[in-house]
């Protein structure tokens, strides 16, 4: 198991309830694959460095997780097809 920082941006037009569901969805995904969530830090609404899909703001979430490398690839693919996720980035600690 490797330790990772996962930073992802949720679209600004996603409602607060749906935003919380997305955060919970990814936390439970990590735990269901045998990993651990060491912390979730909600940075809140922030201005994007450049417009993405004609949006200038997004809700930033930082997760510290422990997960196997194969599952990181699978989770990245899941996040790419999840509606409401603008960008995601995994960084190995």
Protein backbone atom coordinates (compact mmCIF):
# COMPACT_ATOMS: atom_id res chain seq x y z
CA UNK A 1 0.00 0.00 0.00
CA UNK A 2 1.26 3.40 -0.96
CA UNK A 3 0.24 6.73 0.52
CA UNK A 4 -1.26 9.33 -1.83
CA UNK A 5 -2.66 12.81 -1.81
CA UNK A 6 -5.74 13.08 -3.99
CA UNK A 7 -6.85 16.56 -4.97
CA UNK A 8 -10.03 16.85 -6.98
CA UNK A 9 -12.31 19.68 -8.07
CA UNK A 10 -16.09 19.39 -8.05
CA UNK A 11 -18.00 21.58 -10.49
CA UNK A 12 -19.48 24.77 -9.06
CA UNK A 13 -22.98 23.96 -10.33
CA UNK A 14 -23.25 20.76 -8.22
CA UNK A 15 -25.60 21.20 -5.23
CA UNK A 16 -24.18 20.94 -1.71
CA UNK A 17 -25.98 17.66 -0.94
CA UNK A 18 -24.66 16.07 -4.15
CA UNK A 19 -21.18 17.40 -3.35
CA UNK A 20 -21.23 15.65 0.04
CA UNK A 21 -22.44 12.45 -1.65
CA UNK A 22 -19.52 12.58 -4.11
CA UNK A 23 -17.02 13.07 -1.28
CA UNK A 24 -18.55 10.17 0.65
CA UNK A 25 -18.64 8.02 -2.52
CA UNK A 26 -14.90 8.32 -3.09
CA UNK A 27 -14.09 7.75 0.60
CA UNK A 28 -16.17 4.55 0.66
CA UNK A 29 -14.58 3.46 -2.65
CA UNK A 30 -11.11 3.66 -1.09
CA UNK A 31 -12.24 1.69 1.97
CA UNK A 32 -14.04 -0.94 -0.14
CA UNK A 33 -10.81 -1.62 -2.06
CA UNK A 34 -8.87 -2.29 1.13
CA UNK A 35 -7.39 1.18 1.51
CA UNK A 36 -7.66 3.72 4.28
CA UNK A 37 -8.72 7.36 4.28
CA UNK A 38 -6.36 9.27 6.55
CA UNK A 39 -8.08 12.59 6.15
CA UNK A 40 -10.45 14.68 4.04
CA UNK A 41 -9.84 18.41 3.81
CA UNK A 42 -12.56 20.48 2.12
CA UNK A 43 -10.94 23.65 0.80
CA UNK A 44 -14.25 25.06 -0.45
CA UNK A 45 -15.08 27.18 -3.48
CA UNK A 46 -12.03 28.63 -5.16
CA UNK A 47 -11.32 30.42 -8.40
CA UNK A 48 -9.74 28.19 -11.04
CA UNK A 49 -6.41 29.20 -12.55
CA UNK A 50 -8.03 29.08 -16.00
CA UNK A 51 -11.58 28.39 -17.21
CA UNK A 52 -12.48 24.70 -17.52
CA UNK A 53 -15.67 23.88 -19.43
CA UNK A 54 -16.61 27.59 -19.27
CA UNK A 55 -16.49 27.53 -15.44
CA UNK A 56 -14.30 29.85 -13.37
CA UNK A 57 -14.88 28.31 -9.91
CA UNK A 58 -14.81 24.87 -8.36
CA UNK A 59 -15.03 23.14 -4.97
CA UNK A 60 -11.63 21.75 -3.99
CA UNK A 61 -11.24 18.57 -1.90
CA UNK A 62 -7.95 17.10 -0.65
CA UNK A 63 -7.90 13.47 0.52
CA UNK A 64 -4.96 11.68 2.12
CA UNK A 65 -5.30 7.97 1.37
CA UNK A 66 -3.41 4.67 1.44
CA UNK A 67 -4.18 2.48 -1.55
CA UNK A 68 -2.54 -0.02 -3.90
CA UNK A 69 -1.26 1.38 -7.23
CA UNK A 70 -3.64 -0.77 -9.30
CA UNK A 71 -6.63 0.64 -7.41
CA UNK A 72 -5.35 4.20 -7.90
CA UNK A 73 -5.55 3.71 -11.68
CA UNK A 74 -9.06 2.26 -11.38
CA UNK A 75 -10.15 5.14 -9.13
CA UNK A 76 -8.73 7.72 -11.57
CA UNK A 77 -10.77 6.15 -14.37
CA UNK A 78 -13.88 6.18 -12.18
CA UNK A 79 -13.37 9.86 -11.38
CA UNK A 80 -12.89 10.70 -15.08
CA UNK A 81 -16.34 9.35 -15.92
CA UNK A 82 -18.10 10.69 -12.82
CA UNK A 83 -20.32 13.63 -13.63
CA UNK A 84 -19.48 16.70 -11.57
CA UNK A 85 -15.74 16.04 -11.24
CA UNK A 86 -13.78 18.66 -13.18
CA UNK A 87 -10.20 17.56 -12.48
CA UNK A 88 -8.37 15.08 -10.25
CA UNK A 89 -4.72 14.51 -9.41
CA UNK A 90 -3.00 11.77 -7.42
CA UNK A 91 0.42 12.51 -5.90
CA UNK A 92 2.44 9.73 -4.27
CA UNK A 93 3.85 10.74 -0.89
